[in-house]
Amino acid sequence: MAGVASGSKALTRAIQTGVLYHYMLATFGTALAVLAVTLWLRSTGIPAMPFPQVELWDWLVFLLVLLGAGLTLITNSRIAAIAGLGVVGIGIAMIFIFYSAPDVAITQLLVETLVVVLFAAAALKLPHLTPEPLRKRWVDAVVAIGLGVVTTVILLKVTAGPIDRELTTFFETASWPEAFGQNIVNVILVDFRALDTFGEIAVVLIAAISIFALLKAKPEEDKQ
C-alpha cells in the first residue's frame, strides 16, 4: 500500500504540472496517437481528393486564413496572436457564407469578435509573453500538422462513401409541422436539442462570470 501511495504521488507530480501548455500538448498528442494508430490499423488507402474548379475568392479566403495562421505562429504578442486567430475565424465564416450557411457564419463572426475583445481585456493583466524555444515550437508543429493531416484523411474517408440521409430527411420533414420553424438549424438548436443548448449556454455564462471575477481580482501586492 505504501508503494501504491508513493507511486501515485510520483505519477501526479509528473502529470499534474499545473501548466496549461502541458495539458493541451498531452490532450492533442493523445488524440493524434489514437487516431493515427486507428487509421493505420484499419486503413484501406486514402481516397482521391476531388479538385473542383477554384475561383478567385477561394484563393483570397485561403490567403486570408494562411496570413492569420502565420501571424499567430510568429508573433510574441498575445493580442496579435488572438487577432490572427480571429482572422482565421473570419475566413471560416466567409466559407460558411459562400456555401449557403449564413446563420452559422453570423455566429462565427460574433464569437470571433467577442473573443478578441475579451482576450484583449484579459491580456492587459497577463505577464509579458517570452519567445518559446525552437525545440518546443517544433514539437508543437509536429502535433498540429499531424492532427490536421489525420483529420483531413478521416474527413476524406467519411465523405468518400454514400451519406446516410436518414436524420437529414427527418429534420427536413419535421422542422415545420412539429417545431413550427423553417430554419432547420435554428429549430434543431432551440427545439429538438433544446436541453443540450441550454447546457451549453449555462457553461458559457459560468465561464463569463469566472472571467469577470478574474479580471476584477487584484494581486496580493496591490491589496497590501
Protein backbone atom coordinates (compact mmCIF):
# COMPACT_ATOMS: atom_id res chain seq x y z
CA MET A 1 0.00 0.00 0.00
CA ALA A 2 2.88 2.37 0.72
CA GLY A 3 4.28 1.64 -2.74
CA VAL A 4 0.90 2.40 -4.35
CA ALA A 5 0.70 5.70 -2.46
CA SER A 6 4.24 6.76 -3.37
CA GLY A 7 3.73 5.69 -6.98
CA SER A 8 0.52 7.70 -7.25
CA LYS A 9 2.31 10.75 -5.84
CA ALA A 10 5.12 10.40 -8.38
CA LEU A 11 2.61 9.99 -11.21
CA THR A 12 0.68 13.04 -10.04
CA ARG A 13 3.85 15.13 -9.93
CA ALA A 14 4.71 14.03 -13.47
CA ILE A 15 1.25 14.55 -14.99
CA GLN A 16 -0.33 17.36 -12.96
CA THR A 17 2.28 20.02 -13.64
CA GLY A 18 -0.10 22.95 -13.29
CA VAL A 19 0.97 24.23 -16.71
CA LEU A 20 -1.83 24.59 -19.26
CA TYR A 21 0.60 24.04 -22.16
CA HIS A 22 1.48 20.55 -20.89
CA TYR A 23 -2.20 19.61 -20.55
CA MET A 24 -3.02 20.81 -24.08
CA LEU A 25 0.03 19.07 -25.55
CA ALA A 26 -0.92 15.82 -23.80
CA THR A 27 -4.54 16.09 -24.97
CA PHE A 28 -3.79 16.79 -28.62
CA GLY A 29 -0.83 14.39 -28.67
CA THR A 30 -3.02 11.58 -27.32
CA ALA A 31 -5.74 12.37 -29.85
CA LEU A 32 -3.15 12.30 -32.64
CA ALA A 33 -1.70 8.97 -31.49
CA VAL A 34 -5.10 7.27 -31.09
CA LEU A 35 -6.46 8.49 -34.44
CA ALA A 36 -3.23 7.76 -36.33
CA VAL A 37 -2.94 4.22 -34.95
CA THR A 38 -6.60 3.52 -35.70
CA LEU A 39 -6.20 4.76 -39.27
CA TRP A 40 -3.05 2.70 -39.74
CA LEU A 41 -4.66 -0.50 -38.46
CA ARG A 42 -7.92 -0.10 -40.38
CA SER A 43 -6.74 1.86 -43.38
CA THR A 44 -7.91 0.85 -46.84
CA GLY A 45 -5.97 3.60 -48.57
CA ILE A 46 -6.51 7.34 -48.81
CA PRO A 47 -9.41 8.21 -51.13
CA ALA A 48 -8.76 10.55 -54.00
CA MET A 49 -9.27 14.21 -53.19
CA PRO A 50 -11.56 15.99 -55.66
CA PHE A 51 -10.23 19.26 -57.06
CA PRO A 52 -13.14 21.30 -58.43
CA GLN A 53 -12.61 24.50 -60.32
CA VAL A 54 -11.11 27.02 -57.90
CA GLU A 55 -12.47 30.56 -58.11
CA LEU A 56 -10.65 33.76 -57.25
CA TRP A 57 -12.50 34.18 -53.94
CA ASP A 58 -11.35 30.69 -52.91
CA TRP A 59 -7.74 31.77 -53.22
CA LEU A 60 -8.45 35.05 -51.40
CA VAL A 61 -10.04 33.24 -48.45
CA PHE A 62 -7.18 30.73 -48.42
CA LEU A 63 -4.65 33.57 -48.38
CA LEU A 64 -6.53 35.33 -45.57
CA VAL A 65 -6.58 32.19 -43.41
CA LEU A 66 -2.92 31.49 -44.20
CA LEU A 67 -1.85 35.01 -43.20
CA GLY A 68 -3.84 34.83 -39.96
CA ALA A 69 -2.34 31.47 -39.05
CA GLY A 70 1.15 32.71 -39.93
CA LEU A 71 0.74 35.77 -37.70
CA THR A 72 -0.35 33.55 -34.83
CA LEU A 73 2.74 31.37 -35.23
CA ILE A 74 5.43 34.03 -35.48
CA THR A 75 4.24 36.74 -33.08
CA ASN A 76 5.30 37.09 -29.46
CA SER A 77 2.29 39.24 -28.59
CA ARG A 78 -0.81 37.62 -27.13
CA ILE A 79 -3.10 40.27 -28.59
CA ALA A 80 -1.57 39.87 -32.04
CA ALA A 81 -1.91 36.09 -31.75
CA ILE A 82 -5.58 36.24 -30.82
CA ALA A 83 -6.12 38.77 -33.63
CA GLY A 84 -4.52 36.30 -36.04
CA LEU A 85 -6.85 33.57 -34.83
CA GLY A 86 -9.73 35.99 -35.31
CA VAL A 87 -8.66 36.48 -38.92
CA VAL A 88 -8.71 32.69 -39.38
CA GLY A 89 -12.22 32.61 -37.89
CA ILE A 90 -13.37 35.35 -40.26
CA GLY A 91 -12.04 33.30 -43.18
CA ILE A 92 -14.03 30.29 -41.97
CA ALA A 93 -17.12 32.49 -41.66
CA MET A 94 -16.66 33.59 -45.27
CA ILE A 95 -16.57 29.93 -46.32
CA PHE A 96 -19.88 29.41 -44.49
CA ILE A 97 -21.36 32.40 -46.31
CA PHE A 98 -20.20 31.22 -49.73
CA TYR A 99 -21.62 27.74 -49.12
CA SER A 100 -25.09 28.89 -48.03
CA ALA A 101 -24.79 28.79 -44.23
CA PRO A 102 -25.30 32.47 -43.29
CA ASP A 103 -26.67 31.73 -39.80
CA VAL A 104 -23.55 29.74 -38.90
CA ALA A 105 -21.39 32.49 -40.43
CA ILE A 106 -23.07 35.17 -38.27
CA THR A 107 -22.45 33.09 -35.15
CA GLN A 108 -18.83 32.59 -36.16
CA LEU A 109 -18.28 36.30 -36.72
CA LEU A 110 -19.89 37.25 -33.39
CA VAL A 111 -17.84 34.69 -31.48
CA GLU A 112 -14.57 35.76 -33.11
CA THR A 113 -15.26 39.44 -32.37
CA LEU A 114 -16.25 38.75 -28.77
CA VAL A 115 -13.21 36.55 -28.16
CA VAL A 116 -10.83 39.24 -29.42
CA VAL A 117 -12.43 41.88 -27.16
CA LEU A 118 -12.46 39.67 -24.04
CA PHE A 119 -8.95 38.37 -24.56
CA ALA A 120 -7.62 41.86 -25.19
CA ALA A 121 -9.06 42.93 -21.83
CA ALA A 122 -7.57 39.88 -20.10
CA ALA A 123 -4.18 40.18 -21.83
CA LEU A 124 -3.58 43.56 -20.21
CA LYS A 125 -3.24 41.80 -16.84
CA LEU A 126 -1.07 38.93 -18.04
CA PRO A 127 2.74 38.92 -17.84
CA HIS A 128 4.85 39.58 -20.90
CA LEU A 129 4.97 36.67 -23.34
CA THR A 130 8.54 35.42 -23.77
CA PRO A 131 9.61 33.71 -27.02
CA GLU A 132 9.31 29.93 -26.95
CA PRO A 133 12.41 27.79 -27.56
CA LEU A 134 12.77 26.44 -31.07
CA ARG A 135 12.60 22.82 -29.84
CA LYS A 136 9.19 23.38 -28.24
CA ARG A 137 7.90 25.02 -31.41
CA TRP A 138 8.98 22.03 -33.47
CA VAL A 139 7.06 19.72 -31.13
CA ASP A 140 4.00 21.95 -31.45
CA ALA A 141 4.36 21.97 -35.24
CA VAL A 142 4.57 18.17 -35.45
CA VAL A 143 1.47 17.70 -33.28
CA ALA A 144 -0.53 20.40 -35.09
CA ILE A 145 0.37 19.27 -38.62
CA GLY A 146 -0.08 15.60 -37.74
CA LEU A 147 -3.51 16.17 -36.23
CA GLY A 148 -4.52 18.28 -39.23
CA VAL A 149 -3.42 15.58 -41.69
CA VAL A 150 -5.16 12.81 -39.74
CA THR A 151 -8.38 14.83 -39.51
CA THR A 152 -8.26 15.56 -43.24
CA VAL A 153 -7.84 11.86 -44.07
CA ILE A 154 -10.76 10.94 -41.80
CA LEU A 155 -12.99 13.53 -43.48
CA LEU A 156 -12.00 12.27 -46.93
CA LYS A 157 -12.86 8.72 -45.90
CA VAL A 158 -16.21 9.78 -44.44
CA THR A 159 -17.23 11.82 -47.48
CA ALA A 160 -15.97 9.24 -49.99
CA GLY A 161 -18.81 6.81 -49.23
CA PRO A 162 -22.56 7.28 -49.52
CA ILE A 163 -24.06 9.66 -46.96
CA ASP A 164 -26.86 8.36 -44.76
CA ARG A 165 -29.65 10.93 -45.11
CA GLU A 166 -32.00 9.41 -42.53
CA LEU A 167 -31.53 12.20 -39.97
CA THR A 168 -31.46 14.86 -42.70
CA THR A 169 -34.79 13.65 -44.07
CA PHE A 170 -36.33 13.56 -40.60
CA PHE A 171 -35.39 17.14 -39.76
CA GLU A 172 -36.47 18.36 -43.21
CA THR A 173 -39.91 16.83 -42.80
CA ALA A 174 -40.40 17.51 -39.06
CA SER A 175 -38.98 21.02 -38.77
CA TRP A 176 -42.16 22.88 -39.74
CA PRO A 177 -45.04 20.57 -38.67
CA GLU A 178 -43.56 19.66 -35.27
CA ALA A 179 -41.43 22.68 -34.33
CA PHE A 180 -43.08 25.40 -36.46
CA GLY A 181 -39.80 26.67 -37.86
CA GLN A 182 -38.44 26.95 -41.38
CA ASN A 183 -34.80 27.44 -40.42
CA ILE A 184 -33.78 23.83 -39.76
CA VAL A 185 -30.53 24.73 -37.98
CA ASN A 186 -32.27 27.04 -35.51
CA VAL A 187 -35.06 24.52 -34.97
CA ILE A 188 -32.54 21.81 -34.10
CA LEU A 189 -30.75 24.12 -31.65
CA VAL A 190 -33.77 25.52 -29.79
CA ASP A 191 -36.30 22.70 -30.11
CA PHE A 192 -35.07 19.20 -30.89
CA ARG A 193 -31.94 19.61 -28.73
CA ALA A 194 -33.11 22.44 -26.50
CA LEU A 195 -31.78 20.92 -23.26
CA ASP A 196 -28.33 20.45 -24.81
CA THR A 197 -28.33 24.07 -25.98
CA PHE A 198 -29.43 25.20 -22.52
CA GLY A 199 -26.47 23.33 -21.01
CA GLU A 200 -24.07 24.98 -23.45
CA ILE A 201 -25.46 28.43 -22.61
CA ALA A 202 -25.05 27.68 -18.89
CA VAL A 203 -21.42 26.69 -19.44
CA VAL A 204 -20.73 29.90 -21.39
CA LEU A 205 -22.36 32.03 -18.68
CA ILE A 206 -20.37 30.33 -15.91
CA ALA A 207 -17.17 30.86 -17.89
CA ALA A 208 -18.07 34.55 -18.44
CA ILE A 209 -18.71 35.05 -14.72
CA SER A 210 -15.40 33.38 -13.90
CA ILE A 211 -13.53 35.57 -16.37
CA PHE A 212 -15.18 38.66 -14.93
CA ALA A 213 -14.14 37.63 -11.42
CA LEU A 214 -10.56 37.04 -12.55
CA LEU A 215 -10.38 40.41 -14.28
CA LYS A 216 -11.70 42.21 -11.20
CA ALA A 217 -9.32 40.42 -8.83
CA LYS A 218 -6.26 42.34 -7.66
CA PRO A 219 -2.79 40.92 -6.98
CA GLU A 220 -1.80 40.49 -3.35
CA GLU A 221 0.82 43.25 -3.52
CA ASP A 222 -1.85 45.72 -4.74
CA LYS A 223 -4.07 44.82 -1.78
CA GLN A 224 -1.27 45.49 0.66
